Amino acid sequence: MDQKRRFPEFYVTAPQPCPYLPGRMERKIFTHLSADRPLALVDNLLKGGFRRSQNIAYMPYCDHCAACVPVRIVVNEFKPHRTLAKIGRANEDLCARRVSGRATLEQFSLFRAYIEARHANGGMADMTLLDYSMMIQDSAVETYLTEYRLKPRDGESKGPLIAAVLCDRLSDGISLVYSFYDPDMAKRGLGNFIILEQVEFARARGLPYVYLGYWIAGSRKMAYKTRFTPQEHLTPLGWVRRES
């Protein structure tokens, strides 16, 4: 009985409009993550194509569609091309700091500014401080935030927060759960910079992969993920290397 209770039960959502491919419907398969689940089991789910949202692990489960492809960067072989290197140099005035998964008002203010500017009609548009706190703090795995701040000026203990990313620490890498940044500083390429910085953080700790979630061919929202090569795509045959 104990063994059965520890094994996850999976559920399938009802069809709803796909947010990435117009005219298609999406479904998800999901399971609840709880403290009584073995950590190795949760780790394997997240390494095997599932994504985490609070204490839910989910994966696309769509009829007649397999467009969503899990991708991960091969850390030790990654070298930023010219455009990414330029983004890295443009953000050399930022300080990255790992903090525990605890929500702050400063983070929430930045999060709301980002959502209102970039995703005002999306599923996160109505998120409150409590919702944000749950997103950050409800986790069955080792989770942390990286805050990116401008270097402090004279007399400041720390500079202003301009970007942040929520990450899960897996046994073989880092999974980027959600990132947000100051929309007024979009010219810095902060979304790309966050990935660059997390790759270097993983490299310094001997972790082989950075997981980027799903990539969809033909989706402009997902196109940025192809910039980070070499990478691997999860297929029915397992993880397959892609150079471009």
C-alpha atoms as a PDB file:
ATOM      1  CA  MET A   1       0.000   0.000   0.000  1.00  0.00           C
ATOM      2  CA  ASP A   2       2.815   2.450   0.865  1.00  0.00           C
ATOM      3  CA  GLN A   3       4.551   1.712  -2.427  1.00  0.00           C
ATOM      4  CA  LYS A   4       1.329   2.325  -4.370  1.00  0.00           C
ATOM      5  CA  ARG A   5       0.753   5.613  -2.566  1.00  0.00           C
ATOM      6  CA  ARG A   6       4.267   6.793  -3.415  1.00  0.00           C
ATOM      7  CA  PHE A   7       3.832   6.034  -7.132  1.00  0.00           C
ATOM      8  CA  PRO A   8       2.347   9.026  -8.991  1.00  0.00           C
ATOM      9  CA  GLU A   9      -1.148   9.023 -10.417  1.00  0.00           C
ATOM     10  CA  PHE A  10      -1.528  10.762 -13.759  1.00  0.00           C
ATOM     11  CA  TYR A  11      -4.470  12.782 -15.067  1.00  0.00           C
ATOM     12  CA  VAL A  12      -5.325  14.346 -18.431  1.00  0.00           C
ATOM     13  CA  THR A  13      -6.817  17.818 -18.875  1.00  0.00           C
ATOM     14  CA  ALA A  14      -9.747  18.645 -21.137  1.00  0.00           C
ATOM     15  CA  PRO A  15      -8.881  20.121 -24.558  1.00  0.00           C
ATOM     16  CA  GLN A  16      -8.403  23.884 -24.747  1.00  0.00           C
ATOM     17  CA  PRO A  17      -7.037  26.287 -27.392  1.00  0.00           C
ATOM     18  CA  CYS A  18      -3.288  26.019 -27.895  1.00  0.00           C
ATOM     19  CA  PRO A  19      -1.518  29.276 -26.921  1.00  0.00           C
ATOM     20  CA  TYR A  20       1.306  28.673 -29.420  1.00  0.00           C
ATOM     21  CA  LEU A  21      -0.232  27.220 -32.597  1.00  0.00           C
ATOM     22  CA  PRO A  22      -3.436  28.933 -33.768  1.00  0.00           C
ATOM     23  CA  GLY A  23      -6.317  26.639 -34.614  1.00  0.00           C
ATOM     24  CA  ARG A  24      -5.040  23.720 -32.562  1.00  0.00           C
ATOM     25  CA  MET A  25      -6.210  22.320 -29.264  1.00  0.00           C
ATOM     26  CA  GLU A  26      -3.931  21.253 -26.418  1.00  0.00           C
ATOM     27  CA  ARG A  27      -4.202  18.756 -23.608  1.00  0.00           C
ATOM     28  CA  LYS A  28      -1.766  18.014 -20.792  1.00  0.00           C
ATOM     29  CA  ILE A  29      -0.969  14.963 -18.734  1.00  0.00           C
ATOM     30  CA  PHE A  30      -0.057  15.864 -15.161  1.00  0.00           C
ATOM     31  CA  THR A  31       0.644  14.521 -11.711  1.00  0.00           C
ATOM     32  CA  HIS A  32       0.876  16.032  -8.261  1.00  0.00           C
ATOM     33  CA  LEU A  33       4.302  16.319  -6.627  1.00  0.00           C
ATOM     34  CA  SER A  34       4.316  15.903  -2.874  1.00  0.00           C
ATOM     35  CA  ALA A  35       6.764  15.346  -0.048  1.00  0.00           C
ATOM     36  CA  ASP A  36       6.071  11.609   0.037  1.00  0.00           C
ATOM     37  CA  ARG A  37       7.252  11.130  -3.557  1.00  0.00           C
ATOM     38  CA  PRO A  38      10.842   9.851  -3.821  1.00  0.00           C
ATOM     39  CA  LEU A  39      13.127  12.662  -4.944  1.00  0.00           C
ATOM     40  CA  ALA A  40      14.662  10.403  -7.601  1.00  0.00           C
ATOM     41  CA  LEU A  41      11.234   9.843  -9.132  1.00  0.00           C
ATOM     42  CA  VAL A  42      10.511  13.588  -9.320  1.00  0.00           C
ATOM     43  CA  ASP A  43      14.002  14.210 -10.698  1.00  0.00           C
ATOM     44  CA  ASN A  44      13.470  11.622 -13.442  1.00  0.00           C
ATOM     45  CA  LEU A  45      10.111  13.117 -14.389  1.00  0.00           C
ATOM     46  CA  LEU A  46      11.674  16.566 -14.857  1.00  0.00           C
ATOM     47  CA  LYS A  47      14.644  15.133 -16.772  1.00  0.00           C
ATOM     48  CA  GLY A  48      12.260  13.122 -18.930  1.00  0.00           C
ATOM     49  CA  GLY A  49      10.300  15.970 -20.474  1.00  0.00           C
ATOM     50  CA  PHE A  50       7.891  16.994 -17.727  1.00  0.00           C
ATOM     51  CA  ARG A  51       7.802  20.619 -16.570  1.00  0.00           C
ATOM     52  CA  ARG A  52       7.017  21.842 -13.073  1.00  0.00           C
ATOM     53  CA  SER A  53       4.475  24.467 -12.040  1.00  0.00           C
ATOM     54  CA  GLN A  54       4.363  24.688  -8.244  1.00  0.00           C
ATOM     55  CA  ASN A  55       3.696  21.111  -7.128  1.00  0.00           C
ATOM     56  CA  ILE A  56       2.368  19.935 -10.490  1.00  0.00           C
ATOM     57  CA  ALA A  57       4.472  18.155 -13.099  1.00  0.00           C
ATOM     58  CA  TYR A  58       2.948  18.296 -16.577  1.00  0.00           C
ATOM     59  CA  MET A  59       3.640  17.400 -20.194  1.00  0.00           C
ATOM     60  CA  PRO A  60       1.772  18.066 -23.459  1.00  0.00           C
ATOM     61  CA  TYR A  61      -0.566  15.194 -24.337  1.00  0.00           C
ATOM     62  CA  CYS A  62      -2.216  16.458 -27.495  1.00  0.00           C
ATOM     63  CA  ASP A  63      -4.217  14.485 -30.041  1.00  0.00           C
ATOM     64  CA  HIS A  64      -2.431  14.198 -33.408  1.00  0.00           C
ATOM     65  CA  CYS A  65       0.260  16.727 -32.452  1.00  0.00           C
ATOM     66  CA  ALA A  66       3.800  16.375 -31.124  1.00  0.00           C
ATOM     67  CA  ALA A  67       5.009  19.912 -31.816  1.00  0.00           C
ATOM     68  CA  CYS A  68       6.250  20.597 -28.258  1.00  0.00           C
ATOM     69  CA  VAL A  69       9.807  19.250 -27.996  1.00  0.00           C
ATOM     70  CA  PRO A  70      11.773  19.333 -24.699  1.00  0.00           C
ATOM     71  CA  VAL A  71      15.227  20.867 -25.224  1.00  0.00           C
ATOM     72  CA  ARG A  72      18.379  21.142 -23.136  1.00  0.00           C
ATOM     73  CA  ILE A  73      21.705  22.890 -23.728  1.00  0.00           C
ATOM     74  CA  VAL A  74      24.920  20.825 -23.702  1.00  0.00           C
ATOM     75  CA  VAL A  75      26.794  23.000 -21.219  1.00  0.00           C
ATOM     76  CA  ASN A  76      30.431  21.992 -21.681  1.00  0.00           C
ATOM     77  CA  GLU A  77      30.299  22.437 -25.455  1.00  0.00           C
ATOM     78  CA  PHE A  78      28.304  25.646 -25.556  1.00  0.00           C
ATOM     79  CA  LYS A  79      30.054  28.718 -26.898  1.00  0.00           C
ATOM     80  CA  PRO A  80      28.045  31.894 -27.475  1.00  0.00           C
ATOM     81  CA  HIS A  81      27.976  33.086 -31.071  1.00  0.00           C
ATOM     82  CA  ARG A  82      28.563  36.713 -31.969  1.00  0.00           C
ATOM     83  CA  THR A  83      25.092  38.040 -31.063  1.00  0.00           C
ATOM     84  CA  LEU A  84      24.965  36.225 -27.731  1.00  0.00           C
ATOM     85  CA  ALA A  85      28.506  37.321 -26.890  1.00  0.00           C
ATOM     86  CA  LYS A  86      27.437  40.909 -27.556  1.00  0.00           C
ATOM     87  CA  ILE A  87      24.482  40.478 -25.183  1.00  0.00           C
ATOM     88  CA  GLY A  88      26.854  39.129 -22.535  1.00  0.00           C
ATOM     89  CA  ARG A  89      29.098  42.182 -22.847  1.00  0.00           C
ATOM     90  CA  ALA A  90      26.119  44.550 -22.721  1.00  0.00           C
ATOM     91  CA  ASN A  91      25.183  43.145 -19.320  1.00  0.00           C
ATOM     92  CA  GLU A  92      28.586  43.097 -17.643  1.00  0.00           C
ATOM     93  CA  ASP A  93      27.288  45.757 -15.258  1.00  0.00           C
ATOM     94  CA  LEU A  94      24.903  43.229 -13.673  1.00  0.00           C
ATOM     95  CA  CYS A  95      25.491  41.205 -10.514  1.00  0.00           C
ATOM     96  CA  ALA A  96      23.912  37.751 -10.241  1.00  0.00           C
ATOM     97  CA  ARG A  97      22.952  36.440  -6.826  1.00  0.00           C
ATOM     98  CA  ARG A  98      21.415  33.074  -5.940  1.00  0.00           C
ATOM     99  CA  VAL A  99      18.695  33.382  -3.296  1.00  0.00           C
ATOM    100  CA  SER A 100      16.392  30.870  -1.640  1.00  0.00           C
ATOM    101  CA  GLY A 101      12.930  30.349  -3.067  1.00  0.00           C
ATOM    102  CA  ARG A 102      11.215  33.060  -1.049  1.00  0.00           C
ATOM    103  CA  ALA A 103       9.010  35.701  -2.646  1.00  0.00           C
ATOM    104  CA  THR A 104       9.647  39.396  -2.008  1.00  0.00           C
ATOM    105  CA  LEU A 105       7.649  42.526  -2.783  1.00  0.00           C
ATOM    106  CA  GLU A 106      10.520  43.784  -4.931  1.00  0.00           C
ATOM    107  CA  GLN A 107      10.396  40.631  -7.068  1.00  0.00           C
ATOM    108  CA  PHE A 108       6.611  40.794  -7.336  1.00  0.00           C
ATOM    109  CA  SER A 109       6.702  44.412  -8.482  1.00  0.00           C
ATOM    110  CA  LEU A 110       9.140  43.487 -11.252  1.00  0.00           C
ATOM    111  CA  PHE A 111       7.085  40.395 -12.122  1.00  0.00           C
ATOM    112  CA  ARG A 112       3.876  42.465 -12.471  1.00  0.00           C
ATOM    113  CA  ALA A 113       5.603  45.054 -14.678  1.00  0.00           C
ATOM    114  CA  TYR A 114       6.870  42.261 -16.929  1.00  0.00           C
ATOM    115  CA  ILE A 115       3.501  40.489 -17.161  1.00  0.00           C
ATOM    116  CA  GLU A 116       1.577  43.699 -17.879  1.00  0.00           C
ATOM    117  CA  ALA A 117       4.012  44.678 -20.632  1.00  0.00           C
ATOM    118  CA  ARG A 118       4.577  41.281 -22.250  1.00  0.00           C
ATOM    119  CA  HIS A 119       1.718  38.924 -21.342  1.00  0.00           C
ATOM    120  CA  ALA A 120      -1.253  41.099 -20.390  1.00  0.00           C
ATOM    121  CA  ASN A 121      -3.706  38.657 -21.989  1.00  0.00           C
ATOM    122  CA  GLY A 122      -2.021  35.482 -20.788  1.00  0.00           C
ATOM    123  CA  GLY A 123      -2.807  33.045 -18.016  1.00  0.00           C
ATOM    124  CA  MET A 124      -0.671  34.936 -15.480  1.00  0.00           C
ATOM    125  CA  ALA A 125      -2.330  38.326 -16.002  1.00  0.00           C
ATOM    126  CA  ASP A 126      -4.406  38.136 -12.811  1.00  0.00           C
ATOM    127  CA  MET A 127      -1.737  36.729 -10.499  1.00  0.00           C
ATOM    128  CA  THR A 128      -1.688  38.276  -7.022  1.00  0.00           C
ATOM    129  CA  LEU A 129       1.159  38.447  -4.536  1.00  0.00           C
ATOM    130  CA  LEU A 130      -0.169  35.244  -2.978  1.00  0.00           C
ATOM    131  CA  ASP A 131      -0.215  33.528  -6.385  1.00  0.00           C
ATOM    132  CA  TYR A 132       3.348  34.678  -7.033  1.00  0.00           C
ATOM    133  CA  SER A 133       4.461  33.466  -3.607  1.00  0.00           C
ATOM    134  CA  MET A 134       2.988  30.044  -4.317  1.00  0.00           C
ATOM    135  CA  MET A 135       4.723  29.910  -7.689  1.00  0.00           C
ATOM    136  CA  ILE A 136       8.058  30.626  -6.030  1.00  0.00           C
ATOM    137  CA  GLN A 137       7.739  28.683  -2.780  1.00  0.00           C
ATOM    138  CA  ASP A 138       5.640  25.597  -3.534  1.00  0.00           C
ATOM    139  CA  SER A 139       8.196  23.087  -4.774  1.00  0.00           C
ATOM    140  CA  ALA A 140       8.949  19.428  -4.168  1.00  0.00           C
ATOM    141  CA  VAL A 141      12.518  19.804  -5.506  1.00  0.00           C
ATOM    142  CA  GLU A 142      15.505  21.994  -4.726  1.00  0.00           C
ATOM    143  CA  THR A 143      14.548  25.409  -6.077  1.00  0.00           C
ATOM    144  CA  TYR A 144      16.283  28.772  -6.108  1.00  0.00           C
ATOM    145  CA  LEU A 145      15.970  32.223  -7.618  1.00  0.00           C
ATOM    146  CA  THR A 146      18.716  34.137  -9.334  1.00  0.00           C
ATOM    147  CA  GLU A 147      18.368  37.895  -8.996  1.00  0.00           C
ATOM    148  CA  TYR A 148      20.132  40.171 -11.473  1.00  0.00           C
ATOM    149  CA  ARG A 149      20.888  43.665 -10.205  1.00  0.00           C
ATOM    150  CA  LEU A 150      22.737  46.654 -11.542  1.00  0.00           C
ATOM    151  CA  LYS A 151      26.006  47.115  -9.700  1.00  0.00           C
ATOM    152  CA  PRO A 152      25.430  49.368  -6.684  1.00  0.00           C
ATOM    153  CA  ARG A 153      26.466  52.979  -6.816  1.00  0.00           C
ATOM    154  CA  ASP A 154      28.421  54.673  -4.047  1.00  0.00           C
ATOM    155  CA  GLY A 155      26.480  54.491  -0.810  1.00  0.00           C
ATOM    156  CA  GLU A 156      24.148  51.693  -2.000  1.00  0.00           C
ATOM    157  CA  SER A 157      24.200  48.264  -0.398  1.00  0.00           C
ATOM    158  CA  LYS A 158      22.730  46.736  -3.553  1.00  0.00           C
ATOM    159  CA  GLY A 159      21.601  47.948  -6.942  1.00  0.00           C
ATOM    160  CA  PRO A 160      18.070  47.829  -8.368  1.00  0.00           C
ATOM    161  CA  LEU A 161      16.588  44.477  -9.370  1.00  0.00           C
ATOM    162  CA  ILE A 162      16.087  44.308 -13.144  1.00  0.00           C
ATOM    163  CA  ALA A 163      15.681  40.559 -13.820  1.00  0.00           C
ATOM    164  CA  ALA A 164      15.118  37.245 -12.075  1.00  0.00           C
ATOM    165  CA  VAL A 165      14.692  33.575 -12.909  1.00  0.00           C
ATOM    166  CA  LEU A 166      13.188  30.688 -10.951  1.00  0.00           C
ATOM    167  CA  CYS A 167      15.211  27.479 -11.344  1.00  0.00           C
ATOM    168  CA  ASP A 168      15.016  23.843 -10.287  1.00  0.00           C
ATOM    169  CA  ARG A 169      18.242  22.037  -9.458  1.00  0.00           C
ATOM    170  CA  LEU A 170      18.212  18.556 -11.037  1.00  0.00           C
ATOM    171  CA  SER A 171      20.745  15.771 -10.629  1.00  0.00           C
ATOM    172  CA  ASP A 172      22.258  16.501 -14.049  1.00  0.00           C
ATOM    173  CA  GLY A 173      21.591  20.181 -14.512  1.00  0.00           C
ATOM    174  CA  ILE A 174      19.422  23.236 -14.066  1.00  0.00           C
ATOM    175  CA  SER A 175      15.834  23.566 -15.252  1.00  0.00           C
ATOM    176  CA  LEU A 176      14.714  27.123 -15.966  1.00  0.00           C
ATOM    177  CA  VAL A 177      11.132  27.382 -14.716  1.00  0.00           C
ATOM    178  CA  TYR A 178      10.238  31.041 -15.302  1.00  0.00           C
ATOM    179  CA  SER A 179      12.136  34.260 -15.953  1.00  0.00           C
ATOM    180  CA  PHE A 180      11.051  37.898 -15.936  1.00  0.00           C
ATOM    181  CA  TYR A 181      12.744  41.263 -16.309  1.00  0.00           C
ATOM    182  CA  ASP A 182      12.272  45.016 -16.513  1.00  0.00           C
ATOM    183  CA  PRO A 183      10.386  45.591 -19.802  1.00  0.00           C
ATOM    184  CA  ASP A 184      11.943  49.040 -20.103  1.00  0.00           C
ATOM    185  CA  MET A 185      15.341  47.380 -20.472  1.00  0.00           C
ATOM    186  CA  ALA A 186      14.373  44.960 -23.249  1.00  0.00           C
ATOM    187  CA  LYS A 187      17.203  46.242 -25.497  1.00  0.00           C
ATOM    188  CA  ARG A 188      19.677  44.550 -23.169  1.00  0.00           C
ATOM    189  CA  GLY A 189      18.464  41.110 -24.315  1.00  0.00           C
ATOM    190  CA  LEU A 190      17.865  40.112 -20.701  1.00  0.00           C
ATOM    191  CA  GLY A 191      15.994  36.900 -21.545  1.00  0.00           C
ATOM    192  CA  ASN A 192      18.998  35.638 -23.495  1.00  0.00           C
ATOM    193  CA  PHE A 193      21.427  36.933 -20.887  1.00  0.00           C
ATOM    194  CA  ILE A 194      19.674  34.963 -18.144  1.00  0.00           C
ATOM    195  CA  ILE A 195      20.222  31.746 -20.101  1.00  0.00           C
ATOM    196  CA  LEU A 196      23.862  32.628 -20.766  1.00  0.00           C
ATOM    197  CA  GLU A 197      24.483  33.258 -17.084  1.00  0.00           C
ATOM    198  CA  GLN A 198      22.761  30.043 -15.999  1.00  0.00           C
ATOM    199  CA  VAL A 199      24.869  28.045 -18.477  1.00  0.00           C
ATOM    200  CA  GLU A 200      28.026  29.475 -16.924  1.00  0.00           C
ATOM    201  CA  PHE A 201      26.672  28.783 -13.443  1.00  0.00           C
ATOM    202  CA  ALA A 202      26.012  25.163 -14.445  1.00  0.00           C
ATOM    203  CA  ARG A 203      29.451  24.891 -16.049  1.00  0.00           C
ATOM    204  CA  ALA A 204      31.159  26.105 -12.876  1.00  0.00           C
ATOM    205  CA  ARG A 205      29.371  23.393 -10.897  1.00  0.00           C
ATOM    206  CA  GLY A 206      30.068  20.560 -13.327  1.00  0.00           C
ATOM    207  CA  LEU A 207      26.418  20.174 -14.363  1.00  0.00           C
ATOM    208  CA  PRO A 208      26.086  18.958 -17.961  1.00  0.00           C
ATOM    209  CA  TYR A 209      22.713  20.425 -18.964  1.00  0.00           C
ATOM    210  CA  VAL A 210      20.492  23.476 -18.782  1.00  0.00           C
ATOM    211  CA  TYR A 211      16.859  22.603 -19.507  1.00  0.00           C
ATOM    212  CA  LEU A 212      14.885  25.223 -21.453  1.00  0.00           C
ATOM    213  CA  GLY A 213      11.453  23.612 -21.476  1.00  0.00           C
ATOM    214  CA  TYR A 214       9.628  23.131 -24.771  1.00  0.00           C
ATOM    215  CA  TRP A 215      10.523  24.316 -28.250  1.00  0.00           C
ATOM    216  CA  ILE A 216       7.962  24.478 -31.061  1.00  0.00           C
ATOM    217  CA  ALA A 217       9.046  24.739 -34.685  1.00  0.00           C
ATOM    218  CA  GLY A 218       7.323  27.690 -36.317  1.00  0.00           C
ATOM    219  CA  SER A 219       6.496  29.461 -33.046  1.00  0.00           C
ATOM    220  CA  ARG A 220       8.074  32.927 -32.852  1.00  0.00           C
ATOM    221  CA  LYS A 221       7.775  32.840 -29.058  1.00  0.00           C
ATOM    222  CA  MET A 222      10.073  29.805 -28.957  1.00  0.00           C
ATOM    223  CA  ALA A 223      12.566  30.805 -31.670  1.00  0.00           C
ATOM    224  CA  TYR A 224      15.142  32.201 -29.225  1.00  0.00           C
ATOM    225  CA  LYS A 225      15.860  28.715 -27.885  1.00  0.00           C
ATOM    226  CA  THR A 226      17.522  27.683 -31.162  1.00  0.00           C
ATOM    227  CA  ARG A 227      20.325  30.202 -30.488  1.00  0.00           C
ATOM    228  CA  PHE A 228      21.786  28.026 -27.747  1.00  0.00           C
ATOM    229  CA  THR A 229      23.646  25.168 -29.391  1.00  0.00           C
ATOM    230  CA  PRO A 230      24.666  22.433 -29.252  1.00  0.00           C
ATOM    231  CA  GLN A 231      21.467  21.211 -27.658  1.00  0.00           C
ATOM    232  CA  GLU A 232      19.562  17.975 -27.306  1.00  0.00           C
ATOM    233  CA  HIS A 233      15.909  17.327 -28.157  1.00  0.00           C
ATOM    234  CA  LEU A 234      13.855  14.645 -26.435  1.00  0.00           C
ATOM    235  CA  THR A 235      12.381  12.252 -28.997  1.00  0.00           C
ATOM    236  CA  PRO A 236      10.728   8.809 -28.802  1.00  0.00           C
ATOM    237  CA  LEU A 237      14.285   7.444 -29.150  1.00  0.00           C
ATOM    238  CA  GLY A 238      15.580   9.492 -26.211  1.00  0.00           C
ATOM    239  CA  TRP A 239      17.669  12.658 -26.165  1.00  0.00           C
ATOM    240  CA  VAL A 240      19.057  13.399 -29.653  1.00  0.00           C
ATOM    241  CA  ARG A 241      21.752  15.959 -30.352  1.00  0.00           C
ATOM    242  CA  ARG A 242      20.971  18.978 -32.520  1.00  0.00           C
ATOM    243  CA  GLU A 243      23.554  21.464 -33.712  1.00  0.00           C
ATOM    244  CA  SER A 244      21.097  24.039 -35.077  1.00  0.00           C
END
